[in-house]
N, C-alpha and C. Protein backbone atom coordinates (compact mmCIF):
# COMPACT_ATOMS: atom_id res chain seq x y z
N MET A 1 39.93 -39.58 53.50
CA MET A 1 39.18 -38.45 52.48
C MET A 1 40.39 -38.68 51.22
N GLY A 2 41.99 -38.54 51.27
CA GLY A 2 42.36 -38.52 50.34
C GLY A 2 42.37 -39.64 49.37
N ALA A 3 42.18 -40.96 49.79
CA ALA A 3 41.95 -42.06 49.26
C ALA A 3 40.53 -42.41 48.33
N GLU A 4 39.07 -41.39 49.70
CA GLU A 4 38.57 -41.40 48.61
C GLU A 4 39.20 -40.15 47.29
N LYS A 5 39.15 -39.12 47.55
CA LYS A 5 39.73 -38.76 46.40
C LYS A 5 40.35 -38.65 45.03
N SER A 6 41.39 -39.99 46.32
CA SER A 6 41.87 -40.39 44.56
C SER A 6 41.22 -41.34 43.98
N ASN A 7 40.57 -41.95 44.66
CA ASN A 7 39.98 -43.16 44.42
C ASN A 7 39.35 -42.97 42.41
N SER A 8 38.55 -40.83 43.15
CA SER A 8 37.03 -40.20 42.56
C SER A 8 37.50 -39.96 41.25
N THR A 9 38.98 -39.48 41.72
CA THR A 9 39.99 -39.39 40.48
C THR A 9 40.23 -41.17 39.12
N SER A 10 40.86 -41.76 39.88
CA SER A 10 41.28 -42.25 39.25
C SER A 10 40.21 -43.57 38.40
N VAL A 11 38.49 -43.09 38.95
CA VAL A 11 37.66 -43.32 38.05
C VAL A 11 37.20 -42.35 37.15
N LEU A 12 37.66 -41.37 37.43
CA LEU A 12 37.68 -39.74 36.25
C LEU A 12 38.19 -40.25 35.36
N GLU A 13 39.51 -41.22 35.79
CA GLU A 13 40.35 -40.77 34.62
C GLU A 13 39.47 -41.73 34.23
N HIS A 14 39.77 -42.93 34.31
CA HIS A 14 39.14 -44.50 33.68
C HIS A 14 38.28 -43.99 32.20
N ILE A 15 37.13 -43.25 32.90
CA ILE A 15 35.85 -42.25 32.03
C ILE A 15 36.50 -41.58 30.67
N GLU A 16 37.66 -41.18 30.77
CA GLU A 16 37.75 -39.57 29.93
C GLU A 16 38.29 -41.01 30.01
N ALA A 17 39.72 -41.82 29.50
CA ALA A 17 40.73 -42.65 28.32
C ALA A 17 39.20 -43.19 27.97
N GLY A 18 37.95 -44.03 28.12
CA GLY A 18 37.30 -44.20 27.90
C GLY A 18 36.18 -43.87 27.04
N LEU A 19 36.23 -42.67 26.69
CA LEU A 19 36.28 -41.56 26.05
C LEU A 19 36.54 -41.86 25.24
N ASN A 20 37.42 -41.11 25.25
CA ASN A 20 38.75 -40.48 24.04
C ASN A 20 39.05 -42.02 23.11
N VAL A 21 38.78 -43.01 23.49
CA VAL A 21 39.04 -44.75 23.11
C VAL A 21 38.01 -44.18 21.15
N LEU A 22 36.32 -44.25 22.67
CA LEU A 22 35.07 -44.13 21.85
C LEU A 22 34.97 -43.01 20.58
N ASN A 23 35.92 -41.44 21.27
CA ASN A 23 36.30 -40.57 19.88
C ASN A 23 36.87 -41.18 18.74
N GLN A 24 37.70 -41.53 19.19
CA GLN A 24 38.98 -42.23 18.05
C GLN A 24 38.76 -42.80 17.38
N LEU A 25 37.12 -43.22 17.59
CA LEU A 25 36.42 -45.33 16.78
C LEU A 25 35.76 -43.76 15.44
N CYS A 26 35.70 -43.17 16.40
CA CYS A 26 34.52 -42.34 15.04
C CYS A 26 35.46 -41.47 14.53
N ILE A 27 36.02 -41.32 14.88
CA ILE A 27 37.33 -40.09 14.27
C ILE A 27 37.48 -41.24 12.28
N GLY A 28 38.06 -42.31 13.37
CA GLY A 28 39.04 -43.11 11.98
C GLY A 28 37.62 -43.91 11.43
N PHE A 29 36.77 -43.81 12.11
CA PHE A 29 35.41 -44.32 11.15
C PHE A 29 34.50 -42.92 9.85
N VAL A 30 34.76 -42.40 10.45
CA VAL A 30 34.41 -40.84 9.17
C VAL A 30 35.24 -41.04 8.39
N THR A 31 36.29 -40.03 8.63
CA THR A 31 37.71 -40.79 7.67
C THR A 31 38.08 -41.52 7.16
N PHE A 32 37.44 -42.59 7.07
CA PHE A 32 37.88 -44.18 6.45
C PHE A 32 36.56 -43.81 5.57
N TRP A 33 35.81 -43.68 5.50
CA TRP A 33 34.12 -43.52 4.60
C TRP A 33 34.70 -42.91 3.85
N ILE A 34 34.91 -41.87 4.16
CA ILE A 34 34.87 -40.30 3.85
C ILE A 34 36.30 -40.28 2.69
N CYS A 35 37.32 -41.33 3.65
CA CYS A 35 38.44 -41.60 2.01
C CYS A 35 38.21 -42.36 1.34
N TRP A 36 37.89 -43.56 1.46
CA TRP A 36 37.01 -44.45 1.01
C TRP A 36 36.45 -43.24 -0.09
N SER A 37 35.50 -43.48 -0.23
CA SER A 37 34.32 -43.34 -1.43
C SER A 37 34.48 -42.56 -1.68
N CYS A 38 35.82 -41.00 -1.70
CA CYS A 38 36.03 -40.35 -2.98
C CYS A 38 37.25 -40.72 -3.27
N LEU A 39 38.09 -41.49 -2.48
CA LEU A 39 38.98 -42.36 -3.23
C LEU A 39 38.80 -43.10 -4.17
N ARG A 40 38.31 -44.30 -3.92
CA ARG A 40 37.53 -45.21 -5.17
C ARG A 40 37.24 -44.85 -7.28
N LYS A 41 36.20 -43.48 -6.34
CA LYS A 41 35.21 -42.29 -7.27
C LYS A 41 36.77 -41.74 -7.93
N GLY A 42 37.94 -41.45 -7.75
CA GLY A 42 38.35 -40.06 -7.96
C GLY A 42 38.65 -39.37 -8.24
N LEU A 43 39.52 -38.97 -6.71
CA LEU A 43 39.26 -37.35 -5.89
C LEU A 43 39.21 -35.69 -7.52
N VAL A 44 37.69 -36.28 -8.44
CA VAL A 44 37.74 -35.45 -9.10
C VAL A 44 36.62 -34.00 -8.61
N GLY A 45 35.68 -32.72 -8.92
CA GLY A 45 34.67 -32.80 -9.23
C GLY A 45 34.60 -31.95 -6.79
N ILE A 46 33.49 -32.39 -6.84
CA ILE A 46 33.48 -32.31 -5.33
C ILE A 46 33.53 -33.22 -4.01
N ARG A 47 33.96 -34.68 -4.91
CA ARG A 47 34.86 -35.12 -4.36
C ARG A 47 35.91 -34.49 -3.44
N LEU A 48 37.03 -34.39 -4.48
CA LEU A 48 38.10 -34.20 -3.47
C LEU A 48 38.33 -32.60 -2.65
N HIS A 49 36.96 -32.10 -3.04
CA HIS A 49 35.87 -30.65 -1.75
C HIS A 49 36.21 -31.68 -0.09
N VAL A 50 35.25 -32.76 -0.63
CA VAL A 50 34.57 -33.72 0.49
C VAL A 50 36.36 -34.17 0.91
N TRP A 51 36.87 -34.84 0.83
CA TRP A 51 38.34 -35.10 0.89
C TRP A 51 39.16 -34.29 1.81
N LEU A 52 39.14 -32.96 1.74
CA LEU A 52 40.07 -32.85 1.66
C LEU A 52 39.21 -31.59 3.49
N VAL A 53 38.63 -31.24 3.10
CA VAL A 53 38.30 -31.13 4.52
C VAL A 53 37.56 -32.03 5.99
N SER A 54 37.24 -33.06 4.32
CA SER A 54 36.71 -34.02 6.34
C SER A 54 38.33 -34.37 6.75
N PHE A 55 39.43 -34.78 5.42
CA PHE A 55 40.56 -35.10 6.27
C PHE A 55 41.33 -34.15 7.08
N GLY A 56 40.80 -33.46 6.62
CA GLY A 56 41.98 -31.79 7.88
C GLY A 56 40.40 -31.17 9.00
N PHE A 57 39.85 -31.33 8.78
CA PHE A 57 39.50 -30.89 10.16
C PHE A 57 38.46 -32.14 10.67
N VAL A 58 38.63 -33.57 10.02
CA VAL A 58 37.63 -34.10 10.23
C VAL A 58 39.61 -34.88 11.29
N PHE A 59 40.20 -35.61 11.00
CA PHE A 59 40.73 -36.06 11.65
C PHE A 59 42.38 -35.35 12.16
N LEU A 60 42.42 -34.72 11.37
CA LEU A 60 43.83 -33.40 11.67
C LEU A 60 43.99 -32.31 12.51
N MET A 61 42.63 -31.89 12.46
CA MET A 61 42.81 -30.96 13.53
C MET A 61 41.86 -31.10 15.22
N ALA A 62 41.29 -32.14 14.99
CA ALA A 62 40.82 -33.24 15.86
C ALA A 62 41.40 -33.38 16.72
N GLU A 63 43.00 -34.57 16.00
CA GLU A 63 43.56 -35.03 16.33
C GLU A 63 44.73 -34.09 17.02
N ALA A 64 44.72 -32.76 16.82
CA ALA A 64 45.58 -31.82 17.12
C ALA A 64 45.08 -31.32 18.38
N MET A 65 43.90 -31.19 18.56
CA MET A 65 43.34 -30.28 19.29
C MET A 65 42.78 -30.69 20.27
N MET A 66 43.36 -32.79 20.70
CA MET A 66 43.38 -33.48 21.75
C MET A 66 45.05 -33.76 22.22
N CYS A 67 45.09 -33.37 21.74
CA CYS A 67 46.88 -33.38 21.98
C CYS A 67 47.13 -33.84 23.28
N PHE A 68 47.79 -31.82 24.30
CA PHE A 68 47.48 -32.13 25.58
C PHE A 68 46.35 -32.62 26.72
N TYR A 69 45.45 -33.21 25.73
CA TYR A 69 44.72 -33.86 26.57
C TYR A 69 44.70 -34.85 26.89
N ASN A 70 44.96 -34.53 28.85
CA ASN A 70 45.25 -36.08 29.22
C ASN A 70 45.05 -36.99 28.98
N GLY A 71 43.31 -37.55 28.52
CA GLY A 71 42.70 -38.36 29.08
C GLY A 71 43.20 -38.71 26.50
N ASN A 72 44.18 -39.36 26.24
CA ASN A 72 44.25 -38.91 24.71
C ASN A 72 45.54 -39.75 25.29
N TRP A 73 45.13 -40.97 25.19
CA TRP A 73 46.00 -42.31 25.29
C TRP A 73 47.52 -42.07 24.64
N LEU A 74 47.08 -41.38 22.42
CA LEU A 74 48.24 -41.59 22.09
C LEU A 74 49.74 -40.18 22.22
N THR A 75 49.26 -39.73 22.97
CA THR A 75 50.50 -38.18 22.71
C THR A 75 50.10 -39.05 24.80
N LEU A 76 49.44 -39.53 25.54
CA LEU A 76 50.38 -39.30 27.05
C LEU A 76 51.59 -39.77 27.10
N ARG A 77 52.33 -39.90 26.18
CA ARG A 77 53.95 -40.18 26.69
C ARG A 77 54.48 -39.36 26.82
N TYR A 78 54.51 -38.81 25.14
CA TYR A 78 54.52 -36.73 24.43
C TYR A 78 55.22 -36.20 25.91
N THR A 79 56.85 -35.67 25.97
CA THR A 79 57.14 -34.04 26.63
C THR A 79 55.64 -33.10 25.94
N ARG A 80 55.82 -32.27 27.08
CA ARG A 80 54.93 -30.61 26.39
C ARG A 80 55.90 -30.47 25.02
N LYS A 81 56.81 -30.16 25.13
CA LYS A 81 57.46 -29.92 23.72
C LYS A 81 57.30 -30.34 23.25
N HIS A 82 57.27 -31.96 22.24
CA HIS A 82 57.00 -33.00 21.48
C HIS A 82 55.33 -32.66 21.65
N LYS A 83 54.14 -32.65 22.31
CA LYS A 83 52.68 -32.23 22.39
C LYS A 83 53.07 -31.23 21.69
N THR A 84 53.19 -30.57 21.89
CA THR A 84 53.57 -28.72 20.82
C THR A 84 53.81 -28.89 19.36
N LEU A 85 54.87 -29.35 18.43
CA LEU A 85 55.60 -29.96 18.00
C LEU A 85 54.63 -30.88 17.48
N ILE A 86 53.29 -31.76 17.91
CA ILE A 86 53.54 -32.07 16.75
C ILE A 86 51.48 -31.94 16.32
N HIS A 87 50.64 -30.59 17.62
CA HIS A 87 50.03 -29.72 17.71
C HIS A 87 50.59 -28.94 16.45
N VAL A 88 51.06 -28.30 17.18
CA VAL A 88 51.43 -27.08 15.41
C VAL A 88 51.53 -27.85 14.27
N VAL A 89 51.95 -29.12 14.21
CA VAL A 89 51.99 -29.53 12.27
C VAL A 89 50.56 -29.67 12.11
N LEU A 90 49.91 -30.80 13.24
CA LEU A 90 48.46 -31.18 13.07
C LEU A 90 48.07 -29.85 12.83
N GLN A 91 48.03 -28.90 13.32
CA GLN A 91 47.58 -27.93 12.38
C GLN A 91 47.32 -27.19 11.83
N ILE A 92 48.65 -26.87 11.27
CA ILE A 92 48.33 -27.28 9.83
C ILE A 92 47.99 -27.38 8.67
N LEU A 93 48.59 -28.60 8.62
CA LEU A 93 48.28 -29.72 7.96
C LEU A 93 46.76 -29.61 7.65
N GLY A 94 46.15 -30.15 9.07
CA GLY A 94 44.56 -30.10 8.33
C GLY A 94 44.07 -28.39 8.37
N GLY A 95 44.29 -27.56 9.23
CA GLY A 95 43.93 -26.33 8.33
C GLY A 95 44.37 -26.01 7.12
N GLY A 96 45.60 -25.86 6.80
CA GLY A 96 46.35 -26.40 5.53
C GLY A 96 44.59 -27.19 3.84
N MET A 97 44.48 -28.26 4.78
CA MET A 97 44.07 -29.12 3.75
C MET A 97 42.86 -28.83 3.94
N GLY A 98 41.82 -28.03 5.00
CA GLY A 98 40.07 -27.57 5.22
C GLY A 98 40.49 -26.43 4.23
N VAL A 99 42.06 -25.44 4.51
CA VAL A 99 41.14 -24.20 3.58
C VAL A 99 41.29 -24.29 2.40
N ALA A 100 42.40 -25.44 1.46
CA ALA A 100 42.56 -25.73 0.84
C ALA A 100 41.05 -26.36 0.27
N GLY A 101 40.36 -26.84 0.95
CA GLY A 101 38.94 -27.94 0.25
C GLY A 101 37.78 -26.61 -0.22
N CYS A 102 38.85 -25.89 1.05
CA CYS A 102 37.20 -24.61 1.23
C CYS A 102 37.49 -23.70 -1.00
N LEU A 103 38.71 -23.92 -0.40
CA LEU A 103 38.64 -23.19 -2.00
C LEU A 103 38.45 -23.87 -3.62
N VAL A 104 38.41 -24.71 -3.39
CA VAL A 104 38.38 -25.55 -3.69
C VAL A 104 36.64 -25.34 -4.84
N GLN A 105 35.70 -25.60 -3.65
CA GLN A 105 34.74 -25.83 -3.76
C GLN A 105 34.23 -24.40 -4.45
N LEU A 106 34.54 -22.95 -3.51
CA LEU A 106 34.59 -21.45 -4.31
C LEU A 106 34.65 -21.20 -5.22
N ILE A 107 36.13 -21.44 -5.77
CA ILE A 107 36.26 -21.54 -7.60
C ILE A 107 35.60 -22.59 -7.93
N ARG A 108 35.56 -23.26 -8.09
CA ARG A 108 34.06 -24.28 -8.78
C ARG A 108 32.29 -24.25 -9.11
N ASP A 109 32.70 -23.02 -7.53
CA ASP A 109 31.30 -21.98 -8.14
C ASP A 109 31.33 -20.91 -7.77
N ASP A 110 32.03 -20.39 -9.03
CA ASP A 110 32.93 -19.37 -9.47
C ASP A 110 32.66 -18.16 -8.09
N TRP A 111 33.85 -18.74 -6.97
CA TRP A 111 33.34 -17.63 -6.05
C TRP A 111 32.03 -16.99 -5.19
N SER A 112 31.53 -17.89 -5.39
CA SER A 112 30.08 -17.84 -4.59
C SER A 112 28.92 -18.83 -3.76
N ILE A 113 29.06 -18.34 -2.65
CA ILE A 113 27.33 -19.34 -2.00
C ILE A 113 26.55 -19.14 -1.78
N SER A 114 25.88 -20.77 -2.09
CA SER A 114 25.36 -20.66 -1.89
C SER A 114 24.54 -20.94 -0.97
N VAL A 115 22.70 -20.94 -1.04
CA VAL A 115 22.10 -20.44 -0.16
C VAL A 115 21.61 -21.80 1.09
N THR A 116 22.89 -23.10 0.77
CA THR A 116 22.61 -24.09 1.73
C THR A 116 23.08 -23.57 3.27
N THR A 117 22.27 -24.46 4.14
CA THR A 117 23.21 -24.17 5.54
C THR A 117 24.66 -24.49 5.71
N HIS A 118 24.99 -26.15 5.48
CA HIS A 118 26.17 -26.57 4.16
C HIS A 118 26.77 -24.78 4.41
N SER A 119 27.03 -24.53 3.16
CA SER A 119 27.60 -23.58 2.18
C SER A 119 28.54 -22.44 3.49
N ARG A 120 27.20 -21.99 4.03
CA ARG A 120 27.14 -20.85 4.80
C ARG A 120 27.61 -21.16 5.99
N LEU A 121 28.33 -22.31 6.40
CA LEU A 121 28.72 -22.26 7.74
C LEU A 121 30.20 -22.93 7.53
N GLY A 122 29.97 -23.88 5.61
CA GLY A 122 31.45 -23.91 5.49
C GLY A 122 32.45 -22.46 5.39
N PHE A 123 31.52 -21.97 4.65
CA PHE A 123 32.43 -20.44 5.04
C PHE A 123 32.57 -20.41 5.77
N ALA A 124 32.01 -20.28 7.01
CA ALA A 124 32.52 -18.81 8.32
C ALA A 124 33.80 -19.97 9.10
N ALA A 125 33.43 -21.98 8.21
CA ALA A 125 34.42 -22.54 9.00
C ALA A 125 35.83 -22.11 8.44
N PHE A 126 36.24 -21.41 7.01
CA PHE A 126 36.73 -21.39 6.19
C PHE A 126 37.76 -20.11 6.72
N ILE A 127 36.97 -19.01 6.67
CA ILE A 127 37.45 -18.04 7.35
C ILE A 127 37.81 -18.16 9.19
N LEU A 128 36.69 -18.34 10.04
CA LEU A 128 38.07 -18.62 11.27
C LEU A 128 39.01 -19.54 11.09
N CYS A 129 39.32 -20.10 9.82
CA CYS A 129 39.99 -21.38 10.28
C CYS A 129 41.44 -20.60 9.97
N LEU A 130 41.32 -19.69 9.09
CA LEU A 130 42.86 -18.71 8.66
C LEU A 130 42.74 -17.45 9.48
N ILE A 131 41.79 -16.97 10.80
CA ILE A 131 42.59 -15.82 11.96
C ILE A 131 42.82 -17.42 12.83
N SER A 132 42.21 -18.64 12.91
CA SER A 132 42.68 -19.36 13.73
C SER A 132 44.31 -19.92 13.35
N LEU A 133 44.05 -19.79 12.42
CA LEU A 133 45.85 -20.28 12.31
C LEU A 133 47.58 -19.39 12.43
N LEU A 134 46.75 -17.92 12.05
CA LEU A 134 47.46 -16.48 12.22
C LEU A 134 47.66 -16.69 14.17
N SER A 135 46.01 -17.31 14.39
CA SER A 135 46.29 -16.34 16.08
C SER A 135 47.41 -18.05 17.01
N GLY A 136 47.42 -19.18 15.80
CA GLY A 136 48.68 -20.13 16.22
C GLY A 136 50.22 -19.65 16.41
N ILE A 137 50.19 -19.14 15.12
CA ILE A 137 51.22 -18.52 14.90
C ILE A 137 51.84 -17.94 16.42
N ILE A 138 51.08 -16.57 15.68
CA ILE A 138 51.13 -16.08 17.16
C ILE A 138 51.28 -16.99 18.65
N ALA A 139 50.65 -17.46 18.85
CA ALA A 139 50.68 -18.70 20.42
C ALA A 139 51.80 -19.32 20.10
N ALA A 140 52.03 -19.39 19.41
CA ALA A 140 53.95 -20.11 19.32
C ALA A 140 54.72 -19.67 19.68
N ILE A 141 54.32 -17.86 19.25
CA ILE A 141 55.85 -16.62 19.68
C ILE A 141 55.26 -16.12 20.59
N ALA A 142 54.81 -16.82 21.54
CA ALA A 142 54.01 -15.76 22.52
C ALA A 142 54.88 -14.41 23.89
N ARG A 143 56.02 -15.93 23.51
CA ARG A 143 56.98 -16.05 24.36
C ARG A 143 57.46 -14.40 24.35
N SER A 144 58.15 -13.95 23.02
CA SER A 144 58.85 -12.62 21.88
C SER A 144 58.19 -11.91 22.07
N LEU A 145 56.76 -12.11 22.10
CA LEU A 145 55.12 -10.75 22.02
C LEU A 145 55.62 -10.61 23.58
N SER A 146 55.47 -10.54 24.36
CA SER A 146 54.83 -11.29 25.96
C SER A 146 54.84 -9.28 26.14
N LYS A 147 55.47 -7.97 25.97
CA LYS A 147 55.99 -6.55 26.19
C LYS A 147 54.47 -6.90 25.31
N VAL A 148 54.01 -7.14 24.26
CA VAL A 148 52.80 -6.34 23.35
C VAL A 148 51.12 -6.68 23.90
N VAL A 149 51.45 -8.84 23.86
CA VAL A 149 50.31 -9.54 23.86
C VAL A 149 50.94 -10.79 24.88
N SER A 150 49.88 -10.89 26.15
CA SER A 150 49.91 -11.01 27.18
C SER A 150 49.21 -12.53 26.49
N PRO A 151 51.10 -13.70 26.62
CA PRO A 151 51.18 -14.43 26.32
C PRO A 151 49.38 -15.52 26.89
N LEU A 152 49.28 -16.05 28.27
CA LEU A 152 48.29 -16.15 28.57
C LEU A 152 46.33 -15.85 27.86
N ALA A 153 46.51 -15.14 27.84
CA ALA A 153 45.85 -13.90 26.68
C ALA A 153 45.09 -14.14 25.48
N ASN A 154 46.50 -14.47 24.95
CA ASN A 154 46.32 -14.94 22.94
C ASN A 154 46.06 -16.34 23.67
N LYS A 155 46.72 -17.10 24.01
CA LYS A 155 46.53 -18.48 24.36
C LYS A 155 45.69 -18.88 24.41
N THR A 156 44.07 -18.25 25.56
CA THR A 156 42.83 -18.76 25.32
C THR A 156 42.80 -17.82 24.33
N PHE A 157 42.33 -17.05 24.00
CA PHE A 157 41.77 -16.75 22.03
C PHE A 157 42.11 -17.54 21.10
N HIS A 158 43.17 -18.23 21.50
CA HIS A 158 43.75 -19.37 20.31
C HIS A 158 42.67 -20.71 20.40
N VAL A 159 42.18 -20.98 21.92
CA VAL A 159 41.61 -22.12 22.27
C VAL A 159 40.43 -21.92 21.46
N ILE A 160 39.84 -20.85 21.63
CA ILE A 160 38.18 -20.10 21.93
C ILE A 160 38.29 -20.25 20.45
N LEU A 161 39.12 -19.49 19.64
CA LEU A 161 39.20 -19.48 18.04
C LEU A 161 39.72 -21.20 17.32
N SER A 162 39.80 -21.85 17.87
CA SER A 162 40.01 -23.49 17.11
C SER A 162 38.57 -24.26 17.58
N LEU A 163 38.47 -24.25 19.04
CA LEU A 163 36.80 -24.40 20.04
C LEU A 163 35.70 -23.98 18.59
N GLY A 164 35.54 -22.90 17.70
CA GLY A 164 34.52 -22.60 17.72
C GLY A 164 34.62 -22.98 16.03
N THR A 165 36.59 -23.18 15.59
CA THR A 165 36.36 -22.95 14.30
C THR A 165 35.55 -24.57 13.73
N PHE A 166 36.22 -25.30 15.14
CA PHE A 166 37.07 -26.66 14.85
C PHE A 166 34.38 -27.36 14.84
N VAL A 167 33.52 -26.88 15.59
CA VAL A 167 32.89 -26.83 15.86
C VAL A 167 31.72 -26.40 15.26
N THR A 168 32.22 -24.86 14.18
CA THR A 168 31.42 -24.45 13.00
C THR A 168 31.46 -26.21 11.43
N ALA A 169 33.50 -26.72 11.35
CA ALA A 169 33.31 -27.50 10.44
C ALA A 169 32.60 -27.98 10.73
N MET A 170 32.19 -29.11 12.18
CA MET A 170 31.60 -30.61 12.06
C MET A 170 30.54 -29.61 12.01
N LEU A 171 29.27 -29.00 11.83
CA LEU A 171 27.88 -28.20 12.07
C LEU A 171 27.82 -28.14 10.32
N ALA A 172 29.55 -28.19 9.81
CA ALA A 172 28.90 -27.99 8.37
C ALA A 172 29.51 -29.01 7.69
N GLN A 173 29.59 -30.13 8.16
CA GLN A 173 30.19 -32.11 8.05
C GLN A 173 28.96 -32.07 8.12
N PHE A 174 28.19 -31.90 8.55
CA PHE A 174 26.47 -32.59 9.81
C PHE A 174 25.78 -32.14 8.70
N PHE A 175 25.31 -31.01 7.74
CA PHE A 175 24.66 -30.01 6.91
C PHE A 175 25.42 -31.01 5.43
N GLY A 176 26.03 -31.38 5.51
CA GLY A 176 27.47 -31.94 4.06
C GLY A 176 26.00 -33.46 3.57
N TYR A 177 26.45 -33.90 4.66
CA TYR A 177 25.86 -35.78 4.14
C TYR A 177 24.75 -35.14 3.65
N THR A 178 23.08 -34.47 4.02
CA THR A 178 22.53 -34.43 2.40
C THR A 178 22.71 -33.11 1.29
N GLN A 179 23.40 -32.38 1.53
CA GLN A 179 22.84 -31.13 0.96
C GLN A 179 24.38 -30.99 -0.14
N THR A 180 25.30 -32.00 0.20
CA THR A 180 25.88 -31.96 -1.43
C THR A 180 26.15 -33.27 -2.22
N GLY A 181 25.15 -34.08 -2.34
CA GLY A 181 24.91 -35.01 -2.43
C GLY A 181 25.90 -36.16 -2.67
N ILE A 182 26.87 -36.29 -1.57
CA ILE A 182 28.04 -37.13 -2.64
C ILE A 182 27.27 -38.68 -1.77
N PHE A 183 26.32 -38.35 -0.26
CA PHE A 183 25.93 -39.96 0.05
C PHE A 183 25.19 -40.51 -0.94
N LYS A 184 24.68 -40.14 -1.97
CA LYS A 184 23.97 -39.83 -2.09
C LYS A 184 23.71 -41.33 -3.24
N GLY A 185 22.58 -42.47 -2.36
CA GLY A 185 22.53 -43.67 -2.71
C GLY A 185 22.85 -44.35 -1.50
N GLN A 186 23.61 -44.20 -0.69
CA GLN A 186 23.25 -44.84 0.26
C GLN A 186 22.83 -45.43 1.70
N GLY A 187 21.58 -44.68 1.41
CA GLY A 187 20.15 -44.74 2.51
C GLY A 187 19.86 -43.79 3.53
N LYS A 188 18.93 -43.32 3.45
CA LYS A 188 18.08 -42.61 5.02
C LYS A 188 19.07 -42.89 6.10
N ASP A 189 19.33 -44.20 6.52
CA ASP A 189 19.89 -44.90 8.04
C ASP A 189 21.38 -44.53 8.06
N PHE A 190 21.70 -44.43 6.47
CA PHE A 190 23.02 -44.88 6.86
C PHE A 190 23.43 -43.17 7.17
N VAL A 191 23.00 -41.94 6.06
CA VAL A 191 22.89 -40.35 6.17
C VAL A 191 22.76 -40.34 7.62
N ILE A 192 22.28 -40.95 8.05
CA ILE A 192 21.70 -40.91 9.91
C ILE A 192 23.00 -40.37 10.60
N PHE A 193 22.56 -42.27 10.28
CA PHE A 193 23.99 -42.27 11.07
C PHE A 193 25.54 -42.41 11.46
N MET A 194 25.89 -40.95 9.71
CA MET A 194 26.52 -40.41 9.36
C MET A 194 26.71 -39.37 10.57
N GLN A 195 25.60 -38.14 10.34
CA GLN A 195 25.48 -37.43 11.38
C GLN A 195 25.82 -37.51 12.84
N VAL A 196 24.42 -37.82 13.81
CA VAL A 196 25.17 -39.23 14.61
C VAL A 196 26.65 -39.27 15.08
N VAL A 197 27.49 -40.42 14.29
CA VAL A 197 28.82 -40.43 14.60
C VAL A 197 30.29 -39.07 14.55
N THR A 198 29.39 -38.53 13.50
CA THR A 198 29.93 -37.07 13.64
C THR A 198 29.44 -36.50 14.57
N MET A 199 28.63 -35.46 15.55
CA MET A 199 28.16 -35.03 15.98
C MET A 199 28.69 -35.64 17.59
N VAL A 200 28.72 -36.54 17.57
CA VAL A 200 29.49 -37.60 18.96
C VAL A 200 30.77 -36.78 19.19
N LEU A 201 31.48 -37.33 17.73
CA LEU A 201 33.09 -36.61 18.05
C LEU A 201 33.17 -35.23 18.34
N MET A 202 32.69 -34.72 17.79
CA MET A 202 32.51 -33.48 18.28
C MET A 202 32.47 -32.76 19.25
N VAL A 203 31.40 -33.62 19.94
CA VAL A 203 31.79 -33.37 21.30
C VAL A 203 32.51 -33.94 22.39
N LEU A 204 32.92 -35.09 21.79
CA LEU A 204 34.10 -35.20 22.44
C LEU A 204 35.69 -34.93 22.71
N THR A 205 35.59 -34.01 20.98
CA THR A 205 36.83 -33.60 20.78
C THR A 205 37.33 -32.38 21.59
N CYS A 206 36.57 -31.35 21.80
CA CYS A 206 35.62 -30.25 22.59
C CYS A 206 35.99 -30.02 24.40
N ILE A 207 35.66 -32.08 25.07
CA ILE A 207 36.44 -32.31 26.34
C ILE A 207 37.65 -30.85 26.20
N ALA A 208 39.08 -32.06 25.59
CA ALA A 208 39.79 -31.40 26.06
C ALA A 208 39.65 -29.66 25.53
N PRO A 209 39.75 -29.00 24.30
CA PRO A 209 39.52 -27.87 25.13
C PRO A 209 39.25 -27.06 26.23
N PHE A 210 37.62 -27.29 26.52
CA PHE A 210 36.63 -26.92 27.68
C PHE A 210 37.72 -26.80 28.90
N LYS A 211 38.14 -27.60 28.56
CA LYS A 211 40.01 -27.66 30.18
C LYS A 211 40.32 -27.50 30.53
N SER A 212 41.10 -26.77 28.98
CA SER A 212 41.94 -25.75 29.13
C SER A 212 41.47 -24.87 29.41
N LEU A 213 40.63 -24.49 28.59
CA LEU A 213 39.61 -23.01 28.34
C LEU A 213 39.82 -22.63 30.35
N TYR A 214 39.30 -23.87 31.61
CA TYR A 214 38.95 -23.98 32.13
C TYR A 214 39.97 -24.15 33.09
N HIS A 215 41.44 -23.93 32.70
CA HIS A 215 42.82 -23.89 33.86
C HIS A 215 43.32 -22.96 33.21
N LYS A 216 42.92 -22.18 31.99
CA LYS A 216 43.44 -21.36 31.49
C LYS A 216 42.95 -19.98 32.22
N PHE A 217 41.26 -19.60 32.56
CA PHE A 217 40.10 -18.82 33.61
C PHE A 217 40.66 -19.09 34.90
N VAL A 218 41.28 -19.56 35.43
CA VAL A 218 41.24 -20.43 36.47
C VAL A 218 42.86 -19.21 36.84
N SER A 219 43.54 -19.01 36.17
CA SER A 219 45.20 -18.70 35.80
C SER A 219 45.33 -17.40 35.58
N PHE A 220 43.88 -16.98 35.57
CA PHE A 220 43.33 -15.53 35.28
C PHE A 220 42.83 -15.22 36.61
N LYS A 221 42.72 -16.15 37.27
CA LYS A 221 41.66 -15.45 38.13
C LYS A 221 43.07 -15.39 39.44
N SER A 222 43.81 -16.57 39.48
CA SER A 222 44.58 -16.32 40.60
C SER A 222 46.39 -15.57 40.03
């Protein structure tokens, strides 16, 4: 029984490692293509918005969410302390760029939100990201606030909020490919391909926080 359980665990670990490689490729492709498309024409107008939110949410925030994931070979060799430091830095940078990108567009639109699905989801991600950054700060100092807020409860809330922020941002990214005109002239098939890749990286990135939530809920019960 022990050998069978060990073999099944090994297979699962290999599957997770393979999915992580696929996810890194998807993240890298979307980040590279958007950066190249925006930088080659100059970071002006909507391209500055697109570059900030894409690099911040798609790359930095996704990597931050996977820092503690055992299937992530990029951080597997680091200690828990170093993973926490990397996570905090990536979240602050990614969240900061995402918020800045949303602010840039809000200023361009005279602080009005258009009726497009992309704009509404983008604004929701903007608000959620601000709250997530605040909850992340509280989670980082949770031990010193343990008499006021349960560290486990606060960290669980932070994971749920970060997950919601990321999913909302990726859905905004999905609709942004067709509703912002940034990929106009790239061809319909390529735009669909970008949407599919974005959805794949969203689902694969969410594996890590879902596993974290599962372990936290188990801890609540015990």
